[in-house]
Amino acid sequence: MARYLDTARWARRDAFLHFSAFEQPFFSLCTRMDVAPLRAALARRPGPGGLSLACHHIALALANQHESFRLRLEGRGPSARVRVHARVDASTTVLRADDSFGFATLPHRPRFADFQAQGAAALQAVRDGPPGFHEPPAADDDSTLMYFTTLPWVHFTSFAHARPGPGVADSIPRVAYGRIQADGARQWLPVALDVHHALMDGLQAGRWLQALEDAFASPQGWLD
């Protein structure tokens, strides 16, 4: 049975009503995080997918721990409802040999080894699929997804996602990773986060980003 937030008792009720009526209600944050400790930990336990799957795993695990990232908006204005999903999975872009790209679904798995094995197979299935652009496979409920993309060619300092036009229900958080830049012992990874302001503020987005940074700095528990 679907669970909905009691917005009448929500401390953010006024902000929720304000931003849920916006035509463009998303806000974006862009930062960089040191992934040198994560790379070192992965070097001691090689496996498919490498750093990319590890970053997806940790980010998705944290999204499932932070309720704000499992909230989805249904409707607009005063009649809008906020659904609370018990779990969210990832949808990520996958580059093919012909320079086209597709989409792979990466289900949340608490254990990294399980996520790694299943994720690597899902990524390879898209790489081996038909060439050219294809819409992601239809899901029973796309709102249970969180969107990811990676631009390994650019060490970006800001990022903006393409979005559907007005009237299309969309409150899904989006994460983008960029090209890693070495700085001495540090390995800086650009991380961009895009979230719906009716469902969270800078406080909740910032806490998630802080948790992600902490996990990258001390990754062993996330990999074990």
N, C-alpha and C. Protein backbone atom coordinates (compact mmCIF):
# COMPACT_ATOMS: atom_id res chain seq x y z
N MET A 1 0.85 -1.19 0.00
CA MET A 1 0.00 0.00 0.00
C MET A 1 0.88 1.25 0.00
N ALA A 2 0.53 2.21 -0.83
CA ALA A 2 1.31 3.44 -0.93
C ALA A 2 1.22 4.23 0.37
N ARG A 3 2.33 4.82 0.76
CA ARG A 3 2.38 5.65 1.95
C ARG A 3 2.56 7.10 1.54
N TYR A 4 1.80 7.99 2.18
CA TYR A 4 1.88 9.42 1.87
C TYR A 4 2.22 10.22 3.12
N LEU A 5 2.98 11.26 2.92
CA LEU A 5 3.37 12.14 4.01
C LEU A 5 2.17 12.96 4.48
N ASP A 6 2.05 13.15 5.78
CA ASP A 6 1.02 14.03 6.33
C ASP A 6 1.51 15.46 6.21
N THR A 7 1.25 16.08 5.08
CA THR A 7 1.80 17.42 4.82
C THR A 7 1.18 18.49 5.72
N ALA A 8 0.00 18.22 6.27
CA ALA A 8 -0.62 19.20 7.18
C ALA A 8 0.20 19.36 8.45
N ARG A 9 0.93 18.33 8.83
CA ARG A 9 1.75 18.37 10.04
C ARG A 9 3.24 18.51 9.73
N TRP A 10 3.57 18.67 8.47
CA TRP A 10 4.97 18.76 8.03
C TRP A 10 5.54 20.12 8.41
N ALA A 11 6.71 20.12 9.02
CA ALA A 11 7.37 21.38 9.37
C ALA A 11 7.66 22.23 8.14
N ARG A 12 7.77 21.59 6.98
CA ARG A 12 8.05 22.28 5.73
C ARG A 12 6.76 22.60 4.94
N ARG A 13 5.61 22.53 5.56
CA ARG A 13 4.36 22.66 4.82
C ARG A 13 4.32 23.94 3.98
N ASP A 14 4.69 25.08 4.54
CA ASP A 14 4.61 26.33 3.80
C ASP A 14 5.55 26.32 2.60
N ALA A 15 6.76 25.81 2.80
CA ALA A 15 7.71 25.73 1.68
C ALA A 15 7.22 24.74 0.64
N PHE A 16 6.62 23.65 1.09
CA PHE A 16 6.07 22.64 0.18
C PHE A 16 4.99 23.25 -0.72
N LEU A 17 4.04 23.98 -0.11
CA LEU A 17 2.97 24.59 -0.89
C LEU A 17 3.51 25.66 -1.84
N HIS A 18 4.51 26.38 -1.38
CA HIS A 18 5.09 27.45 -2.20
C HIS A 18 5.78 26.90 -3.44
N PHE A 19 6.69 25.95 -3.25
CA PHE A 19 7.50 25.48 -4.37
C PHE A 19 6.80 24.45 -5.24
N SER A 20 5.79 23.77 -4.72
CA SER A 20 5.12 22.75 -5.53
C SER A 20 4.33 23.37 -6.68
N ALA A 21 4.07 24.68 -6.61
CA ALA A 21 3.35 25.36 -7.68
C ALA A 21 4.28 25.96 -8.73
N PHE A 22 5.59 25.88 -8.52
CA PHE A 22 6.55 26.46 -9.46
C PHE A 22 6.59 25.67 -10.76
N GLU A 23 6.82 26.39 -11.86
CA GLU A 23 7.03 25.72 -13.15
C GLU A 23 8.40 25.07 -13.20
N GLN A 24 9.40 25.71 -12.59
CA GLN A 24 10.75 25.14 -12.51
C GLN A 24 11.18 25.16 -11.04
N PRO A 25 10.83 24.11 -10.28
CA PRO A 25 11.04 24.11 -8.83
C PRO A 25 12.35 23.45 -8.37
N PHE A 26 13.20 23.04 -9.32
CA PHE A 26 14.43 22.34 -8.93
C PHE A 26 15.54 23.33 -8.58
N PHE A 27 16.39 22.94 -7.63
CA PHE A 27 17.62 23.70 -7.39
C PHE A 27 18.80 22.73 -7.45
N SER A 28 19.96 23.29 -7.76
CA SER A 28 21.14 22.47 -8.01
C SER A 28 22.30 22.87 -7.10
N LEU A 29 23.07 21.89 -6.72
CA LEU A 29 24.29 22.10 -5.95
C LEU A 29 25.42 21.35 -6.65
N CYS A 30 26.58 21.96 -6.72
CA CYS A 30 27.73 21.32 -7.35
C CYS A 30 28.94 21.47 -6.44
N THR A 31 29.63 20.38 -6.20
CA THR A 31 30.81 20.40 -5.33
C THR A 31 31.81 19.39 -5.86
N ARG A 32 32.90 19.21 -5.15
CA ARG A 32 33.87 18.17 -5.51
C ARG A 32 34.23 17.40 -4.26
N MET A 33 34.54 16.12 -4.44
CA MET A 33 34.84 15.24 -3.31
C MET A 33 36.08 14.42 -3.61
N ASP A 34 36.87 14.19 -2.59
CA ASP A 34 38.10 13.41 -2.73
C ASP A 34 37.76 11.92 -2.70
N VAL A 35 38.03 11.24 -3.81
CA VAL A 35 37.75 9.80 -3.89
C VAL A 35 39.02 8.96 -3.83
N ALA A 36 40.14 9.58 -3.43
CA ALA A 36 41.39 8.81 -3.31
C ALA A 36 41.24 7.65 -2.32
N PRO A 37 40.65 7.86 -1.13
CA PRO A 37 40.47 6.72 -0.22
C PRO A 37 39.60 5.62 -0.81
N LEU A 38 38.57 5.99 -1.56
CA LEU A 38 37.70 4.99 -2.18
C LEU A 38 38.46 4.21 -3.24
N ARG A 39 39.25 4.90 -4.04
CA ARG A 39 40.05 4.22 -5.06
C ARG A 39 41.02 3.24 -4.40
N ALA A 40 41.66 3.66 -3.32
CA ALA A 40 42.62 2.80 -2.63
C ALA A 40 41.93 1.56 -2.06
N ALA A 41 40.74 1.74 -1.51
CA ALA A 41 40.01 0.61 -0.96
C ALA A 41 39.58 -0.36 -2.05
N LEU A 42 39.20 0.16 -3.20
CA LEU A 42 38.80 -0.70 -4.32
C LEU A 42 39.99 -1.46 -4.90
N ALA A 43 41.17 -0.86 -4.85
CA ALA A 43 42.36 -1.53 -5.37
C ALA A 43 42.68 -2.79 -4.57
N ARG A 44 42.24 -2.82 -3.33
CA ARG A 44 42.50 -3.99 -2.48
C ARG A 44 41.44 -5.08 -2.66
N ARG A 45 40.37 -4.75 -3.42
CA ARG A 45 39.32 -5.73 -3.67
C ARG A 45 38.77 -5.53 -5.08
N PRO A 46 39.57 -5.90 -6.09
CA PRO A 46 39.16 -5.65 -7.48
C PRO A 46 37.87 -6.39 -7.82
N GLY A 47 37.12 -5.78 -8.71
CA GLY A 47 35.87 -6.37 -9.15
C GLY A 47 35.32 -5.58 -10.31
N PRO A 48 34.24 -6.03 -10.93
CA PRO A 48 33.68 -5.34 -12.09
C PRO A 48 33.09 -3.98 -11.72
N GLY A 49 33.16 -3.07 -12.67
CA GLY A 49 32.51 -1.78 -12.47
C GLY A 49 33.36 -0.73 -11.81
N GLY A 50 34.34 -1.15 -11.00
CA GLY A 50 35.31 -0.25 -10.42
C GLY A 50 34.70 0.92 -9.65
N LEU A 51 35.35 2.08 -9.79
CA LEU A 51 34.98 3.27 -9.05
C LEU A 51 33.56 3.72 -9.36
N SER A 52 33.16 3.62 -10.62
CA SER A 52 31.84 4.11 -11.01
C SER A 52 30.73 3.40 -10.24
N LEU A 53 30.75 2.08 -10.20
CA LEU A 53 29.71 1.35 -9.48
C LEU A 53 29.79 1.61 -7.99
N ALA A 54 30.99 1.78 -7.46
CA ALA A 54 31.12 2.07 -6.04
C ALA A 54 30.48 3.41 -5.69
N CYS A 55 30.70 4.42 -6.53
CA CYS A 55 30.09 5.73 -6.30
C CYS A 55 28.57 5.65 -6.40
N HIS A 56 28.07 4.90 -7.37
CA HIS A 56 26.63 4.73 -7.50
C HIS A 56 26.05 4.00 -6.29
N HIS A 57 26.75 2.96 -5.85
CA HIS A 57 26.27 2.17 -4.71
C HIS A 57 26.14 3.02 -3.46
N ILE A 58 27.19 3.78 -3.14
CA ILE A 58 27.17 4.58 -1.92
C ILE A 58 26.11 5.67 -1.99
N ALA A 59 26.04 6.36 -3.13
CA ALA A 59 25.05 7.43 -3.28
C ALA A 59 23.63 6.88 -3.17
N LEU A 60 23.38 5.74 -3.76
CA LEU A 60 22.04 5.15 -3.72
C LEU A 60 21.71 4.65 -2.31
N ALA A 61 22.69 4.05 -1.65
CA ALA A 61 22.47 3.59 -0.27
C ALA A 61 22.13 4.75 0.64
N LEU A 62 22.81 5.88 0.47
CA LEU A 62 22.52 7.06 1.27
C LEU A 62 21.16 7.65 0.93
N ALA A 63 20.78 7.60 -0.34
CA ALA A 63 19.45 8.09 -0.73
C ALA A 63 18.36 7.28 -0.04
N ASN A 64 18.61 6.00 0.14
CA ASN A 64 17.62 5.16 0.82
C ASN A 64 17.62 5.39 2.33
N GLN A 65 18.70 5.91 2.86
CA GLN A 65 18.76 6.23 4.29
C GLN A 65 18.14 7.59 4.60
N HIS A 66 18.17 8.52 3.63
CA HIS A 66 17.66 9.87 3.82
C HIS A 66 16.26 9.97 3.21
N GLU A 67 15.25 10.10 4.05
CA GLU A 67 13.86 10.05 3.57
C GLU A 67 13.56 11.08 2.50
N SER A 68 14.18 12.26 2.59
CA SER A 68 13.92 13.32 1.60
C SER A 68 14.15 12.84 0.18
N PHE A 69 15.08 11.89 0.00
CA PHE A 69 15.41 11.39 -1.33
C PHE A 69 14.46 10.29 -1.79
N ARG A 70 13.57 9.88 -0.91
CA ARG A 70 12.56 8.88 -1.28
C ARG A 70 11.17 9.50 -1.41
N LEU A 71 11.10 10.83 -1.32
CA LEU A 71 9.83 11.53 -1.48
C LEU A 71 9.59 11.85 -2.95
N ARG A 72 8.34 11.70 -3.40
CA ARG A 72 7.98 12.05 -4.77
C ARG A 72 6.65 12.82 -4.75
N LEU A 73 6.60 13.85 -5.56
CA LEU A 73 5.44 14.72 -5.63
C LEU A 73 4.41 14.15 -6.60
N GLU A 74 3.17 14.14 -6.18
CA GLU A 74 2.06 13.74 -7.03
C GLU A 74 1.06 14.88 -7.11
N GLY A 75 0.91 15.47 -8.29
CA GLY A 75 0.02 16.61 -8.46
C GLY A 75 0.76 17.92 -8.27
N ARG A 76 0.02 19.05 -8.35
CA ARG A 76 0.59 20.38 -8.20
C ARG A 76 -0.32 21.24 -7.33
N GLY A 77 0.28 22.25 -6.70
CA GLY A 77 -0.49 23.20 -5.93
C GLY A 77 -1.02 22.63 -4.62
N PRO A 78 -2.10 23.23 -4.06
CA PRO A 78 -2.60 22.82 -2.75
C PRO A 78 -3.06 21.37 -2.68
N SER A 79 -3.45 20.78 -3.81
CA SER A 79 -3.94 19.40 -3.79
C SER A 79 -2.83 18.37 -3.97
N ALA A 80 -1.60 18.81 -4.13
CA ALA A 80 -0.48 17.89 -4.35
C ALA A 80 -0.27 17.01 -3.12
N ARG A 81 0.12 15.77 -3.38
CA ARG A 81 0.45 14.83 -2.31
C ARG A 81 1.92 14.45 -2.41
N VAL A 82 2.47 14.00 -1.29
CA VAL A 82 3.87 13.58 -1.25
C VAL A 82 3.92 12.11 -0.89
N ARG A 83 4.34 11.32 -1.85
CA ARG A 83 4.46 9.88 -1.60
C ARG A 83 5.83 9.55 -1.02
N VAL A 84 5.84 8.63 -0.06
CA VAL A 84 7.08 8.19 0.57
C VAL A 84 7.36 6.77 0.12
N HIS A 85 8.37 6.60 -0.72
CA HIS A 85 8.71 5.26 -1.18
C HIS A 85 9.56 4.54 -0.14
N ALA A 86 9.34 3.27 0.00
CA ALA A 86 10.14 2.47 0.93
C ALA A 86 11.55 2.27 0.42
N ARG A 87 11.71 2.30 -0.92
CA ARG A 87 13.02 2.07 -1.52
C ARG A 87 13.09 2.75 -2.86
N VAL A 88 14.26 3.26 -3.21
CA VAL A 88 14.48 3.79 -4.55
C VAL A 88 15.69 3.07 -5.17
N ASP A 89 15.64 2.92 -6.50
CA ASP A 89 16.74 2.32 -7.25
C ASP A 89 17.37 3.38 -8.15
N ALA A 90 18.41 3.01 -8.86
CA ALA A 90 19.12 3.96 -9.72
C ALA A 90 18.88 3.66 -11.20
N SER A 91 18.82 4.71 -11.99
CA SER A 91 18.86 4.61 -13.45
C SER A 91 20.05 5.43 -13.91
N THR A 92 20.95 4.83 -14.66
CA THR A 92 22.17 5.54 -15.04
C THR A 92 22.43 5.42 -16.54
N THR A 93 23.11 6.41 -17.07
CA THR A 93 23.46 6.39 -18.49
C THR A 93 24.65 5.46 -18.72
N VAL A 94 24.67 4.83 -19.90
CA VAL A 94 25.73 3.89 -20.27
C VAL A 94 26.19 4.21 -21.69
N LEU A 95 27.48 4.46 -21.86
CA LEU A 95 28.04 4.76 -23.18
C LEU A 95 28.33 3.48 -23.94
N ARG A 96 27.97 3.49 -25.24
CA ARG A 96 28.25 2.34 -26.11
C ARG A 96 29.45 2.63 -27.00
N ALA A 97 29.93 1.59 -27.66
CA ALA A 97 31.13 1.71 -28.51
C ALA A 97 30.91 2.66 -29.68
N ASP A 98 29.65 2.83 -30.13
CA ASP A 98 29.38 3.71 -31.27
C ASP A 98 29.09 5.15 -30.84
N ASP A 99 29.37 5.47 -29.57
CA ASP A 99 29.17 6.80 -28.99
C ASP A 99 27.71 7.14 -28.72
N SER A 100 26.80 6.21 -28.90
CA SER A 100 25.43 6.41 -28.45
C SER A 100 25.37 5.99 -26.98
N PHE A 101 24.25 6.27 -26.34
CA PHE A 101 24.13 5.84 -24.95
C PHE A 101 22.75 5.28 -24.67
N GLY A 102 22.71 4.45 -23.65
CA GLY A 102 21.46 3.87 -23.20
C GLY A 102 21.33 4.04 -21.70
N PHE A 103 20.34 3.36 -21.11
CA PHE A 103 20.06 3.50 -19.69
C PHE A 103 20.03 2.12 -19.04
N ALA A 104 20.65 2.02 -17.88
CA ALA A 104 20.62 0.78 -17.12
C ALA A 104 19.99 1.04 -15.76
N THR A 105 19.18 0.11 -15.31
CA THR A 105 18.59 0.19 -13.97
C THR A 105 19.47 -0.60 -13.01
N LEU A 106 19.84 0.05 -11.91
CA LEU A 106 20.69 -0.56 -10.89
C LEU A 106 19.88 -0.66 -9.60
N PRO A 107 19.31 -1.81 -9.29
CA PRO A 107 18.52 -1.94 -8.06
C PRO A 107 19.39 -1.76 -6.82
N HIS A 108 18.81 -1.15 -5.81
CA HIS A 108 19.52 -0.97 -4.54
C HIS A 108 19.75 -2.33 -3.89
N ARG A 109 20.97 -2.56 -3.47
CA ARG A 109 21.33 -3.75 -2.71
C ARG A 109 22.20 -3.30 -1.54
N PRO A 110 21.86 -3.70 -0.32
CA PRO A 110 22.65 -3.26 0.84
C PRO A 110 24.12 -3.67 0.78
N ARG A 111 24.38 -4.86 0.25
CA ARG A 111 25.77 -5.33 0.16
C ARG A 111 26.38 -4.90 -1.17
N PHE A 112 27.58 -4.30 -1.11
CA PHE A 112 28.22 -3.81 -2.32
C PHE A 112 28.51 -4.95 -3.29
N ALA A 113 28.91 -6.12 -2.79
CA ALA A 113 29.22 -7.24 -3.68
C ALA A 113 28.01 -7.61 -4.52
N ASP A 114 26.82 -7.60 -3.93
CA ASP A 114 25.60 -7.91 -4.68
C ASP A 114 25.29 -6.82 -5.70
N PHE A 115 25.40 -5.55 -5.26
CA PHE A 115 25.15 -4.43 -6.17
C PHE A 115 26.14 -4.45 -7.32
N GLN A 116 27.41 -4.74 -7.02
CA GLN A 116 28.47 -4.75 -8.02
C GLN A 116 28.23 -5.80 -9.09
N ALA A 117 27.89 -7.02 -8.67
CA ALA A 117 27.67 -8.10 -9.62
C ALA A 117 26.46 -7.83 -10.49
N GLN A 118 25.37 -7.43 -9.88
CA GLN A 118 24.14 -7.18 -10.64
C GLN A 118 24.30 -5.94 -11.52
N GLY A 119 24.95 -4.91 -10.98
CA GLY A 119 25.14 -3.67 -11.73
C GLY A 119 26.04 -3.85 -12.94
N ALA A 120 27.13 -4.59 -12.77
CA ALA A 120 28.04 -4.81 -13.89
C ALA A 120 27.32 -5.55 -15.03
N ALA A 121 26.49 -6.52 -14.68
CA ALA A 121 25.74 -7.26 -15.71
C ALA A 121 24.74 -6.34 -16.41
N ALA A 122 24.09 -5.45 -15.65
CA ALA A 122 23.11 -4.53 -16.25
C ALA A 122 23.80 -3.55 -17.19
N LEU A 123 24.96 -3.04 -16.81
CA LEU A 123 25.70 -2.11 -17.66
C LEU A 123 26.15 -2.79 -18.95
N GLN A 124 26.64 -4.03 -18.84
CA GLN A 124 27.12 -4.74 -20.02
C GLN A 124 25.97 -5.07 -20.97
N ALA A 125 24.79 -5.36 -20.42
CA ALA A 125 23.64 -5.66 -21.26
C ALA A 125 23.27 -4.46 -22.12
N VAL A 126 23.41 -3.24 -21.57
CA VAL A 126 23.12 -2.04 -22.36
C VAL A 126 24.21 -1.82 -23.40
N ARG A 127 25.47 -2.03 -23.03
CA ARG A 127 26.57 -1.87 -24.00
C ARG A 127 26.41 -2.83 -25.17
N ASP A 128 25.90 -4.03 -24.90
CA ASP A 128 25.74 -5.05 -25.94
C ASP A 128 24.40 -4.92 -26.68
N GLY A 129 23.57 -3.97 -26.27
CA GLY A 129 22.26 -3.82 -26.86
C GLY A 129 22.32 -3.14 -28.21
N PRO A 130 21.16 -2.90 -28.83
CA PRO A 130 21.12 -2.27 -30.15
C PRO A 130 21.69 -0.86 -30.11
N PRO A 131 22.36 -0.42 -31.18
CA PRO A 131 22.97 0.91 -31.20
C PRO A 131 21.91 2.01 -31.28
N GLY A 132 22.37 3.23 -31.03
CA GLY A 132 21.47 4.38 -31.12
C GLY A 132 20.77 4.68 -29.81
N PHE A 133 20.10 5.82 -29.77
CA PHE A 133 19.42 6.25 -28.55
C PHE A 133 18.10 5.50 -28.38
N HIS A 134 17.86 5.08 -27.16
CA HIS A 134 16.62 4.40 -26.84
C HIS A 134 16.13 4.91 -25.50
N GLU A 135 14.82 5.10 -25.40
CA GLU A 135 14.24 5.45 -24.11
C GLU A 135 14.51 4.30 -23.13
N PRO A 136 14.67 4.62 -21.84
CA PRO A 136 14.84 3.53 -20.87
C PRO A 136 13.61 2.64 -20.85
N PRO A 137 13.79 1.37 -20.52
CA PRO A 137 12.64 0.46 -20.46
C PRO A 137 11.57 1.00 -19.52
N ALA A 138 10.33 0.84 -19.91
CA ALA A 138 9.23 1.32 -19.08
C ALA A 138 9.22 0.58 -17.74
N ALA A 139 9.11 1.34 -16.66
CA ALA A 139 9.05 0.74 -15.33
C ALA A 139 7.62 0.82 -14.82
N ASP A 140 7.31 -0.04 -13.86
CA ASP A 140 5.98 0.01 -13.27
C ASP A 140 5.73 1.38 -12.64
N ASP A 141 6.78 1.97 -12.09
CA ASP A 141 6.66 3.27 -11.45
C ASP A 141 8.03 3.96 -11.50
N ASP A 142 8.19 4.88 -12.48
CA ASP A 142 9.47 5.56 -12.63
C ASP A 142 9.83 6.41 -11.42
N SER A 143 8.85 6.76 -10.60
CA SER A 143 9.15 7.61 -9.44
C SER A 143 9.97 6.88 -8.40
N THR A 144 10.10 5.56 -8.53
CA THR A 144 10.94 4.81 -7.60
C THR A 144 12.40 4.85 -7.99
N LEU A 145 12.73 5.60 -9.06
CA LEU A 145 14.10 5.70 -9.52
C LEU A 145 14.76 7.00 -9.05
N MET A 146 16.09 6.99 -9.07
CA MET A 146 16.91 8.18 -8.89
C MET A 146 17.86 8.19 -10.08
N TYR A 147 17.99 9.33 -10.76
CA TYR A 147 18.73 9.38 -12.01
C TYR A 147 20.20 9.75 -11.79
N PHE A 148 21.08 9.03 -12.51
CA PHE A 148 22.51 9.29 -12.46
C PHE A 148 23.06 9.44 -13.88
N THR A 149 24.10 10.24 -14.02
CA THR A 149 24.85 10.32 -15.28
C THR A 149 26.29 10.62 -14.95
N THR A 150 27.19 10.31 -15.89
CA THR A 150 28.63 10.53 -15.68
C THR A 150 29.21 11.18 -16.92
N LEU A 151 30.00 12.24 -16.71
CA LEU A 151 30.74 12.90 -17.79
C LEU A 151 32.23 12.81 -17.48
N PRO A 152 32.87 11.70 -17.83
CA PRO A 152 34.28 11.51 -17.47
C PRO A 152 35.24 12.38 -18.26
N TRP A 153 34.71 13.21 -19.17
CA TRP A 153 35.56 14.06 -20.01
C TRP A 153 35.71 15.47 -19.45
N VAL A 154 34.87 15.83 -18.46
CA VAL A 154 34.82 17.22 -18.01
C VAL A 154 34.90 17.30 -16.48
N HIS A 155 35.86 18.08 -15.99
CA HIS A 155 35.92 18.38 -14.55
C HIS A 155 35.07 19.63 -14.33
N PHE A 156 33.75 19.44 -14.32
CA PHE A 156 32.85 20.59 -14.33
C PHE A 156 32.75 21.25 -12.95
N THR A 157 32.33 22.51 -12.96
CA THR A 157 32.09 23.26 -11.73
C THR A 157 30.62 23.66 -11.60
N SER A 158 29.83 23.33 -12.60
CA SER A 158 28.38 23.48 -12.52
C SER A 158 27.77 22.51 -13.51
N PHE A 159 26.48 22.24 -13.34
CA PHE A 159 25.84 21.25 -14.20
C PHE A 159 24.34 21.51 -14.22
N ALA A 160 23.72 21.38 -15.38
CA ALA A 160 22.27 21.52 -15.52
C ALA A 160 21.74 20.33 -16.31
N HIS A 161 20.69 19.71 -15.80
CA HIS A 161 20.10 18.55 -16.45
C HIS A 161 19.04 18.95 -17.47
N ALA A 162 18.91 18.16 -18.52
CA ALA A 162 17.77 18.29 -19.42
C ALA A 162 16.53 17.82 -18.67
N ARG A 163 15.39 18.49 -18.95
CA ARG A 163 14.17 18.15 -18.23
C ARG A 163 12.98 18.14 -19.18
N PRO A 164 11.94 17.35 -18.87
CA PRO A 164 10.73 17.39 -19.68
C PRO A 164 10.02 18.72 -19.52
N GLY A 165 9.10 19.01 -20.40
CA GLY A 165 8.41 20.28 -20.39
C GLY A 165 7.38 20.40 -19.28
N PRO A 166 6.75 21.58 -19.15
CA PRO A 166 5.72 21.80 -18.14
C PRO A 166 4.59 20.79 -18.29
N GLY A 167 4.03 20.42 -17.18
CA GLY A 167 2.92 19.48 -17.20
C GLY A 167 3.33 18.03 -17.02
N VAL A 168 4.63 17.76 -17.12
CA VAL A 168 5.13 16.40 -16.91
C VAL A 168 5.53 16.25 -15.45
N ALA A 169 4.93 15.30 -14.77
CA ALA A 169 5.25 15.08 -13.36
C ALA A 169 6.69 14.61 -13.22
N ASP A 170 7.47 15.34 -12.45
CA ASP A 170 8.88 15.00 -12.29
C ASP A 170 9.41 15.62 -11.00
N SER A 171 9.73 14.78 -10.03
CA SER A 171 10.35 15.27 -8.80
C SER A 171 11.52 14.37 -8.41
N ILE A 172 12.10 13.70 -9.41
CA ILE A 172 13.15 12.71 -9.17
C ILE A 172 14.51 13.40 -8.97
N PRO A 173 15.23 13.09 -7.89
CA PRO A 173 16.58 13.63 -7.72
C PRO A 173 17.52 13.12 -8.81
N ARG A 174 18.48 13.96 -9.17
CA ARG A 174 19.46 13.62 -10.20
C ARG A 174 20.87 13.89 -9.69
N VAL A 175 21.78 12.99 -10.03
CA VAL A 175 23.19 13.14 -9.65
C VAL A 175 24.05 13.02 -10.90
N ALA A 176 25.05 13.88 -11.01
CA ALA A 176 26.01 13.80 -12.11
C ALA A 176 27.42 13.74 -11.54
N TYR A 177 28.24 12.86 -12.10
CA TYR A 177 29.66 12.77 -11.76
C TYR A 177 30.49 13.26 -12.94
N GLY A 178 31.62 13.91 -12.65
CA GLY A 178 32.48 14.43 -13.71
C GLY A 178 33.84 13.74 -13.75
N ARG A 179 34.78 14.37 -14.48
CA ARG A 179 36.13 13.82 -14.62
C ARG A 179 36.94 14.09 -13.36
N ILE A 180 37.64 13.07 -12.88
CA ILE A 180 38.47 13.19 -11.68
C ILE A 180 39.74 13.97 -12.01
N GLN A 181 40.12 14.86 -11.12
CA GLN A 181 41.32 15.67 -11.30
C GLN A 181 42.26 15.44 -10.11
N ALA A 182 43.48 15.04 -10.41
CA ALA A 182 44.46 14.77 -9.36
C ALA A 182 45.03 16.07 -8.82
N ASP A 183 45.23 16.11 -7.50
CA ASP A 183 45.84 17.26 -6.82
C ASP A 183 46.68 16.72 -5.68
N GLY A 184 47.93 16.35 -6.00
CA GLY A 184 48.76 15.69 -5.01
C GLY A 184 48.17 14.32 -4.68
N ALA A 185 47.94 14.09 -3.39
CA ALA A 185 47.37 12.81 -2.97
C ALA A 185 45.86 12.77 -3.12
N ARG A 186 45.27 13.89 -3.43
CA ARG A 186 43.81 13.95 -3.55
C ARG A 186 43.35 13.68 -4.98
N GLN A 187 42.18 13.09 -5.09
CA GLN A 187 41.56 12.79 -6.37
C GLN A 187 40.16 13.41 -6.35
N TRP A 188 40.02 14.59 -6.97
CA TRP A 188 38.79 15.35 -6.86
C TRP A 188 37.76 14.93 -7.92
N LEU A 189 36.60 14.50 -7.44
CA LEU A 189 35.49 14.10 -8.31
C LEU A 189 34.40 15.16 -8.24
N PRO A 190 34.02 15.79 -9.37
CA PRO A 190 32.87 16.70 -9.36
C PRO A 190 31.58 15.92 -9.12
N VAL A 191 30.74 16.46 -8.25
CA VAL A 191 29.44 15.84 -7.95
C VAL A 191 28.38 16.93 -8.01
N ALA A 192 27.39 16.75 -8.88
CA ALA A 192 26.28 17.70 -8.99
C ALA A 192 25.00 17.01 -8.55
N LEU A 193 24.21 17.73 -7.78
CA LEU A 193 22.94 17.22 -7.27
C LEU A 193 21.82 18.17 -7.66
N ASP A 194 20.73 17.61 -8.17
CA ASP A 194 19.56 18.38 -8.61
C ASP A 194 18.34 17.82 -7.88
N VAL A 195 17.63 18.66 -7.12
CA VAL A 195 16.50 18.17 -6.33
C VAL A 195 15.33 19.15 -6.39
N HIS A 196 14.15 18.64 -6.06
CA HIS A 196 12.90 19.41 -6.11
C HIS A 196 12.72 20.18 -4.80
N HIS A 197 12.56 21.51 -4.91
CA HIS A 197 12.51 22.36 -3.73
C HIS A 197 11.24 22.17 -2.91
N ALA A 198 10.19 21.62 -3.50
CA ALA A 198 9.00 21.35 -2.70
C ALA A 198 9.23 20.20 -1.73
N LEU A 199 10.20 19.35 -2.02
CA LEU A 199 10.43 18.15 -1.23
C LEU A 199 11.62 18.26 -0.29
N MET A 200 12.51 19.17 -0.55
CA MET A 200 13.65 19.36 0.36
C MET A 200 14.25 20.74 0.15
N ASP A 201 15.02 21.15 1.17
CA ASP A 201 15.73 22.42 1.13
C ASP A 201 17.23 22.16 1.11
N GLY A 202 18.00 23.24 1.17
CA GLY A 202 19.44 23.10 1.20
C GLY A 202 19.92 22.28 2.38
N LEU A 203 19.18 22.32 3.49
CA LEU A 203 19.55 21.54 4.67
C LEU A 203 19.60 20.05 4.36
N GLN A 204 18.52 19.52 3.80
CA GLN A 204 18.46 18.08 3.51
C GLN A 204 19.43 17.69 2.39
N ALA A 205 19.50 18.53 1.35
CA ALA A 205 20.45 18.24 0.27
C ALA A 205 21.88 18.29 0.79
N GLY A 206 22.17 19.28 1.63
CA GLY A 206 23.51 19.41 2.18
C GLY A 206 23.89 18.25 3.09
N ARG A 207 22.94 17.78 3.89
CA ARG A 207 23.24 16.63 4.76
C ARG A 207 23.58 15.40 3.94
N TRP A 208 22.84 15.21 2.83
CA TRP A 208 23.14 14.05 1.97
C TRP A 208 24.51 14.18 1.34
N LEU A 209 24.85 15.36 0.87
CA LEU A 209 26.17 15.57 0.27
C LEU A 209 27.28 15.40 1.30
N GLN A 210 27.05 15.87 2.52
CA GLN A 210 28.05 15.67 3.58
C GLN A 210 28.23 14.19 3.88
N ALA A 211 27.14 13.45 3.92
CA ALA A 211 27.21 12.01 4.18
C ALA A 211 27.95 11.30 3.05
N LEU A 212 27.73 11.74 1.81
CA LEU A 212 28.43 11.14 0.67
C LEU A 212 29.93 11.42 0.77
N GLU A 213 30.28 12.65 1.12
CA GLU A 213 31.70 13.00 1.27
C GLU A 213 32.35 12.19 2.38
N ASP A 214 31.66 12.00 3.49
CA ASP A 214 32.19 11.20 4.59
C ASP A 214 32.37 9.75 4.17
N ALA A 215 31.43 9.22 3.40
CA ALA A 215 31.53 7.83 2.96
C ALA A 215 32.70 7.64 2.00
N PHE A 216 32.93 8.61 1.11
CA PHE A 216 34.07 8.52 0.21
C PHE A 216 35.39 8.59 0.98
N ALA A 217 35.39 9.32 2.09
CA ALA A 217 36.61 9.46 2.89
C ALA A 217 36.89 8.21 3.72
N SER A 218 35.84 7.51 4.13
CA SER A 218 35.99 6.29 4.94
C SER A 218 35.10 5.21 4.32
N PRO A 219 35.53 4.64 3.20
CA PRO A 219 34.63 3.78 2.41
C PRO A 219 34.56 2.32 2.83
N GLN A 220 35.45 1.86 3.70
CA GLN A 220 35.56 0.43 3.91
C GLN A 220 34.26 -0.20 4.38
N GLY A 221 33.56 0.46 5.29
CA GLY A 221 32.30 -0.10 5.77
C GLY A 221 31.26 -0.21 4.69
N TRP A 222 31.32 0.67 3.67
CA TRP A 222 30.36 0.64 2.57
C TRP A 222 30.68 -0.47 1.58
N LEU A 223 31.94 -0.87 1.51
CA LEU A 223 32.35 -1.91 0.58
C LEU A 223 32.26 -3.30 1.20
N ASP A 224 32.31 -3.37 2.51
CA ASP A 224 32.24 -4.66 3.20
C ASP A 224 30.81 -5.05 3.52
